[in-house]
PDB file of N, CA and C in Angstrom:
ATOM      1  N   MET A   1     110.157 123.766 103.427  1.00  0.00           N
ATOM      2  CA  MET A   1     110.360 123.848 101.991  1.00  0.00           C
ATOM      3  C   MET A   1     109.138 123.261 101.293  1.00  0.00           C
ATOM      4  N   ASP A   2     108.621 123.966 100.328  1.00  0.00           N
ATOM      5  CA  ASP A   2     107.453 123.514  99.580  1.00  0.00           C
ATOM      6  C   ASP A   2     107.899 122.615  98.421  1.00  0.00           C
ATOM      7  N   LEU A   3     107.494 121.356  98.474  1.00  0.00           N
ATOM      8  CA  LEU A   3     107.875 120.375  97.454  1.00  0.00           C
ATOM      9  C   LEU A   3     106.768 120.147  96.436  1.00  0.00           C
ATOM     10  N   THR A   4     105.726 120.950  96.491  1.00  0.00           N
ATOM     11  CA  THR A   4     104.546 120.745  95.657  1.00  0.00           C
ATOM     12  C   THR A   4     104.875 120.658  94.173  1.00  0.00           C
ATOM     13  N   GLY A   5     105.756 121.495  93.676  1.00  0.00           N
ATOM     14  CA  GLY A   5     106.066 121.513  92.250  1.00  0.00           C
ATOM     15  C   GLY A   5     107.170 120.564  91.830  1.00  0.00           C
ATOM     16  N   ALA A   6     107.688 119.773  92.768  1.00  0.00           N
ATOM     17  CA  ALA A   6     108.791 118.863  92.437  1.00  0.00           C
ATOM     18  C   ALA A   6     108.326 117.800  91.446  1.00  0.00           C
ATOM     19  N   ARG A   7     109.089 117.609  90.387  1.00  0.00           N
ATOM     20  CA  ARG A   7     108.841 116.532  89.412  1.00  0.00           C
ATOM     21  C   ARG A   7     109.895 115.454  89.652  1.00  0.00           C
ATOM     22  N   TRP A   8     109.469 114.367  90.223  1.00  0.00           N
ATOM     23  CA  TRP A   8     110.365 113.287  90.617  1.00  0.00           C
ATOM     24  C   TRP A   8     110.609 112.325  89.464  1.00  0.00           C
ATOM     25  N   ARG A   9     111.847 111.845  89.379  1.00  0.00           N
ATOM     26  CA  ARG A   9     112.209 110.811  88.405  1.00  0.00           C
ATOM     27  C   ARG A   9     113.166 109.851  89.090  1.00  0.00           C
ATOM     28  N   LYS A  10     113.138 108.615  88.669  1.00  0.00           N
ATOM     29  CA  LYS A  10     114.046 107.619  89.223  1.00  0.00           C
ATOM     30  C   LYS A  10     115.458 107.937  88.761  1.00  0.00           C
ATOM     31  N   SER A  11     116.388 107.901  89.675  1.00  0.00           N
ATOM     32  CA  SER A  11     117.780 108.174  89.338  1.00  0.00           C
ATOM     33  C   SER A  11     118.298 107.169  88.320  1.00  0.00           C
ATOM     34  N   THR A  12     119.095 107.638  87.384  1.00  0.00           N
ATOM     35  CA  THR A  12     119.687 106.740  86.394  1.00  0.00           C
ATOM     36  C   THR A  12     120.678 105.782  87.040  1.00  0.00           C
ATOM     37  N   ARG A  13     121.128 106.083  88.239  1.00  0.00           N
ATOM     38  CA  ARG A  13     122.057 105.218  88.964  1.00  0.00           C
ATOM     39  C   ARG A  13     121.346 104.137  89.767  1.00  0.00           C
ATOM     40  N   SER A  14     120.030 104.194  89.859  1.00  0.00           N
ATOM     41  CA  SER A  14     119.279 103.187  90.600  1.00  0.00           C
ATOM     42  C   SER A  14     119.168 101.921  89.771  1.00  0.00           C
ATOM     43  N   GLY A  15     119.169 100.813  90.456  1.00  0.00           N
ATOM     44  CA  GLY A  15     119.051  99.536  89.772  1.00  0.00           C
ATOM     45  C   GLY A  15     117.613  99.231  89.391  1.00  0.00           C
ATOM     46  N   ASN A  16     117.421  98.124  88.706  1.00  0.00           N
ATOM     47  CA  ASN A  16     116.084  97.696  88.275  1.00  0.00           C
ATOM     48  C   ASN A  16     115.547  96.554  89.117  1.00  0.00           C
ATOM     49  N   ASN A  17     116.198  96.285  90.258  1.00  0.00           N
ATOM     50  CA  ASN A  17     115.800  95.133  91.063  1.00  0.00           C
ATOM     51  C   ASN A  17     114.711  95.449  92.077  1.00  0.00           C
ATOM     52  N   GLY A  18     114.172  96.670  92.074  1.00  0.00           N
ATOM     53  CA  GLY A  18     113.111  97.027  93.004  1.00  0.00           C
ATOM     54  C   GLY A  18     113.595  97.275  94.418  1.00  0.00           C
ATOM     55  N   GLY A  19     114.879  97.332  94.616  1.00  0.00           N
ATOM     56  CA  GLY A  19     115.432  97.505  95.955  1.00  0.00           C
ATOM     57  C   GLY A  19     115.856  98.914  96.262  1.00  0.00           C
ATOM     58  N   ASN A  20     117.140  99.165  96.181  1.00  0.00           N
ATOM     59  CA  ASN A  20     117.722 100.437  96.589  1.00  0.00           C
ATOM     60  C   ASN A  20     117.629 101.470  95.479  1.00  0.00           C
ATOM     61  N   CYS A  21     116.515 102.188  95.456  1.00  0.00           N
ATOM     62  CA  CYS A  21     116.298 103.191  94.418  1.00  0.00           C
ATOM     63  C   CYS A  21     116.074 104.553  95.048  1.00  0.00           C
ATOM     64  N   VAL A  22     116.538 105.565  94.362  1.00  0.00           N
ATOM     65  CA  VAL A  22     116.264 106.927  94.796  1.00  0.00           C
ATOM     66  C   VAL A  22     115.613 107.687  93.655  1.00  0.00           C
ATOM     67  N   GLU A  23     114.857 108.709  94.028  1.00  0.00           N
ATOM     68  CA  GLU A  23     114.249 109.600  93.057  1.00  0.00           C
ATOM     69  C   GLU A  23     114.855 110.977  93.238  1.00  0.00           C
ATOM     70  N   VAL A  24     114.988 111.683  92.133  1.00  0.00           N
ATOM     71  CA  VAL A  24     115.597 113.009  92.125  1.00  0.00           C
ATOM     72  C   VAL A  24     114.606 113.987  91.503  1.00  0.00           C
ATOM     73  N   ALA A  25     114.522 115.170  92.092  1.00  0.00           N
ATOM     74  CA  ALA A  25     113.745 116.270  91.511  1.00  0.00           C
ATOM     75  C   ALA A  25     114.706 117.444  91.355  1.00  0.00           C
ATOM     76  N   ASP A  26     114.987 117.800  90.111  1.00  0.00           N
ATOM     77  CA  ASP A  26     115.943 118.884  89.865  1.00  0.00           C
ATOM     78  C   ASP A  26     115.310 120.023  89.063  1.00  0.00           C
ATOM     79  N   ASN A  27     113.995 120.135  89.165  1.00  0.00           N
ATOM     80  CA  ASN A  27     113.288 121.166  88.394  1.00  0.00           C
ATOM     81  C   ASN A  27     112.990 122.429  89.203  1.00  0.00           C
ATOM     82  N   LEU A  28     113.235 122.419  90.495  1.00  0.00           N
ATOM     83  CA  LEU A  28     112.967 123.594  91.317  1.00  0.00           C
ATOM     84  C   LEU A  28     114.196 124.503  91.352  1.00  0.00           C
ATOM     85  N   PRO A  29     113.998 125.812  91.361  1.00  0.00           N
ATOM     86  CA  PRO A  29     115.134 126.721  91.339  1.00  0.00           C
ATOM     87  C   PRO A  29     115.965 126.652  92.625  1.00  0.00           C
ATOM     88  N   GLY A  30     117.277 126.502  92.458  1.00  0.00           N
ATOM     89  CA  GLY A  30     118.198 126.574  93.572  1.00  0.00           C
ATOM     90  C   GLY A  30     118.291 125.366  94.466  1.00  0.00           C
ATOM     91  N   VAL A  31     117.655 124.244  94.082  1.00  0.00           N
ATOM     92  CA  VAL A  31     117.698 123.064  94.945  1.00  0.00           C
ATOM     93  C   VAL A  31     117.523 121.792  94.113  1.00  0.00           C
ATOM     94  N   VAL A  32     118.208 120.733  94.542  1.00  0.00           N
ATOM     95  CA  VAL A  32     118.014 119.390  93.994  1.00  0.00           C
ATOM     96  C   VAL A  32     117.559 118.529  95.163  1.00  0.00           C
ATOM     97  N   LEU A  33     116.456 117.834  94.987  1.00  0.00           N
ATOM     98  CA  LEU A  33     115.877 117.010  96.038  1.00  0.00           C
ATOM     99  C   LEU A  33     116.101 115.535  95.737  1.00  0.00           C
ATOM    100  N   VAL A  34     116.321 114.748  96.786  1.00  0.00           N
ATOM    101  CA  VAL A  34     116.542 113.309  96.648  1.00  0.00           C
ATOM    102  C   VAL A  34     115.708 112.622  97.726  1.00  0.00           C
ATOM    103  N   ARG A  35     115.012 111.543  97.328  1.00  0.00           N
ATOM    104  CA  ARG A  35     114.224 110.777  98.297  1.00  0.00           C
ATOM    105  C   ARG A  35     114.308 109.292  97.978  1.00  0.00           C
ATOM    106  N   ASP A  36     113.968 108.491  98.970  1.00  0.00           N
ATOM    107  CA  ASP A  36     113.933 107.032  98.854  1.00  0.00           C
ATOM    108  C   ASP A  36     112.641 106.630  98.151  1.00  0.00           C
ATOM    109  N   THR A  37     112.751 105.871  97.085  1.00  0.00           N
ATOM    110  CA  THR A  37     111.581 105.439  96.332  1.00  0.00           C
ATOM    111  C   THR A  37     110.623 104.622  97.192  1.00  0.00           C
ATOM    112  N   LYS A  38     111.156 103.840  98.119  1.00  0.00           N
ATOM    113  CA  LYS A  38     110.313 102.982  98.959  1.00  0.00           C
ATOM    114  C   LYS A  38     109.613 103.759 100.073  1.00  0.00           C
ATOM    115  N   ASP A  39     110.054 104.990 100.367  1.00  0.00           N
ATOM    116  CA  ASP A  39     109.483 105.777 101.457  1.00  0.00           C
ATOM    117  C   ASP A  39     109.282 107.216 100.994  1.00  0.00           C
ATOM    118  N   ARG A  40     108.408 107.387 100.042  1.00  0.00           N
ATOM    119  CA  ARG A  40     108.205 108.704  99.422  1.00  0.00           C
ATOM    120  C   ARG A  40     107.688 109.748 100.397  1.00  0.00           C
ATOM    121  N   ASP A  41     107.026 109.325 101.451  1.00  0.00           N
ATOM    122  CA  ASP A  41     106.519 110.269 102.447  1.00  0.00           C
ATOM    123  C   ASP A  41     107.514 110.502 103.583  1.00  0.00           C
ATOM    124  N   GLY A  42     108.670 109.868 103.516  1.00  0.00           N
ATOM    125  CA  GLY A  42     109.653 109.950 104.594  1.00  0.00           C
ATOM    126  C   GLY A  42     110.531 111.180 104.550  1.00  0.00           C
ATOM    127  N   GLY A  43     110.293 112.075 103.626  1.00  0.00           N
ATOM    128  CA  GLY A  43     111.112 113.285 103.541  1.00  0.00           C
ATOM    129  C   GLY A  43     112.092 113.213 102.393  1.00  0.00           C
ATOM    130  N   ALA A  44     112.796 114.290 102.206  1.00  0.00           N
ATOM    131  CA  ALA A  44     113.758 114.386 101.107  1.00  0.00           C
ATOM    132  C   ALA A  44     114.992 115.132 101.582  1.00  0.00           C
ATOM    133  N   LEU A  45     116.112 114.789 101.001  1.00  0.00           N
ATOM    134  CA  LEU A  45     117.346 115.544 101.226  1.00  0.00           C
ATOM    135  C   LEU A  45     117.402 116.654 100.201  1.00  0.00           C
ATOM    136  N   ALA A  46     117.877 117.815 100.616  1.00  0.00           N
ATOM    137  CA  ALA A  46     117.986 118.964  99.715  1.00  0.00           C
ATOM    138  C   ALA A  46     119.453 119.326  99.545  1.00  0.00           C
ATOM    139  N   PHE A  47     119.866 119.509  98.296  1.00  0.00           N
ATOM    140  CA  PHE A  47     121.239 119.867  97.961  1.00  0.00           C
ATOM    141  C   PHE A  47     121.248 121.133  97.118  1.00  0.00           C
ATOM    142  N   ALA A  48     122.258 121.945  97.299  1.00  0.00           N
ATOM    143  CA  ALA A  48     122.491 123.045  96.367  1.00  0.00           C
ATOM    144  C   ALA A  48     122.892 122.416  95.033  1.00  0.00           C
ATOM    145  N   PRO A  49     122.493 122.983  93.913  1.00  0.00           N
ATOM    146  CA  PRO A  49     122.816 122.381  92.616  1.00  0.00           C
ATOM    147  C   PRO A  49     124.320 122.120  92.414  1.00  0.00           C
ATOM    148  N   ASP A  50     125.180 123.028  92.835  1.00  0.00           N
ATOM    149  CA  ASP A  50     126.627 122.813  92.688  1.00  0.00           C
ATOM    150  C   ASP A  50     127.107 121.626  93.518  1.00  0.00           C
ATOM    151  N   ALA A  51     126.574 121.489  94.722  1.00  0.00           N
ATOM    152  CA  ALA A  51     126.941 120.360  95.579  1.00  0.00           C
ATOM    153  C   ALA A  51     126.465 119.049  94.966  1.00  0.00           C
ATOM    154  N   TRP A  52     125.266 119.053  94.393  1.00  0.00           N
ATOM    155  CA  TRP A  52     124.745 117.839  93.755  1.00  0.00           C
ATOM    156  C   TRP A  52     125.611 117.443  92.556  1.00  0.00           C
ATOM    157  N   ARG A  53     125.973 118.426  91.722  1.00  0.00           N
ATOM    158  CA  ARG A  53     126.832 118.119  90.568  1.00  0.00           C
ATOM    159  C   ARG A  53     128.180 117.552  91.012  1.00  0.00           C
ATOM    160  N   ALA A  54     128.747 118.088  92.079  1.00  0.00           N
ATOM    161  CA  ALA A  54     130.027 117.582  92.592  1.00  0.00           C
ATOM    162  C   ALA A  54     129.859 116.151  93.104  1.00  0.00           C
ATOM    163  N   PHE A  55     128.762 115.882  93.775  1.00  0.00           N
ATOM    164  CA  PHE A  55     128.484 114.539  94.280  1.00  0.00           C
ATOM    165  C   PHE A  55     128.375 113.540  93.146  1.00  0.00           C
ATOM    166  N   VAL A  56     127.582 113.868  92.132  1.00  0.00           N
ATOM    167  CA  VAL A  56     127.395 112.977  90.986  1.00  0.00           C
ATOM    168  C   VAL A  56     128.717 112.789  90.233  1.00  0.00           C
ATOM    169  N   ALA A  57     129.484 113.856  90.074  1.00  0.00           N
ATOM    170  CA  ALA A  57     130.785 113.744  89.402  1.00  0.00           C
ATOM    171  C   ALA A  57     131.705 112.801  90.168  1.00  0.00           C
ATOM    172  N   GLY A  58     131.664 112.871  91.496  1.00  0.00           N
ATOM    173  CA  GLY A  58     132.470 111.973  92.318  1.00  0.00           C
ATOM    174  C   GLY A  58     132.073 110.524  92.144  1.00  0.00           C
ATOM    175  N   LEU A  59     130.790 110.271  91.978  1.00  0.00           N
ATOM    176  CA  LEU A  59     130.320 108.907  91.748  1.00  0.00           C
ATOM    177  C   LEU A  59     130.791 108.364  90.421  1.00  0.00           C
ATOM    178  N   THR A  60     130.792 109.202  89.412  1.00  0.00           N
ATOM    179  CA  THR A  60     131.175 108.724  88.080  1.00  0.00           C
ATOM    180  C   THR A  60     132.672 108.443  88.009  1.00  0.00           C
ATOM    181  N   ARG A  61     133.456 109.066  88.871  1.00  0.00           N
ATOM    182  CA  ARG A  61     134.901 108.817  88.905  1.00  0.00           C
ATOM    183  C   ARG A  61     135.245 107.569  89.704  1.00  0.00           C
ATOM    184  N   ALA A  62     134.340 107.140  90.571  1.00  0.00           N
ATOM    185  CA  ALA A  62     134.614 105.996  91.465  1.00  0.00           C
ATOM    186  C   ALA A  62     134.517 104.678  90.747  1.00  0.00           C
TER     187      ALA A  62
END
């Protein structure tokens, strides 16, 4: 998967303590990417947009 055009942003759910943060790129068609802020070269998880929305909705209900 070509991640060249991904525009990464820190997740709004990440804390400000410099620890457990994730970045999300949701600007590419048909995919939402998630990576660890501390290991940007370690790869990314790819989700279908519907699956990502369901995941985030589940978090907001918890």
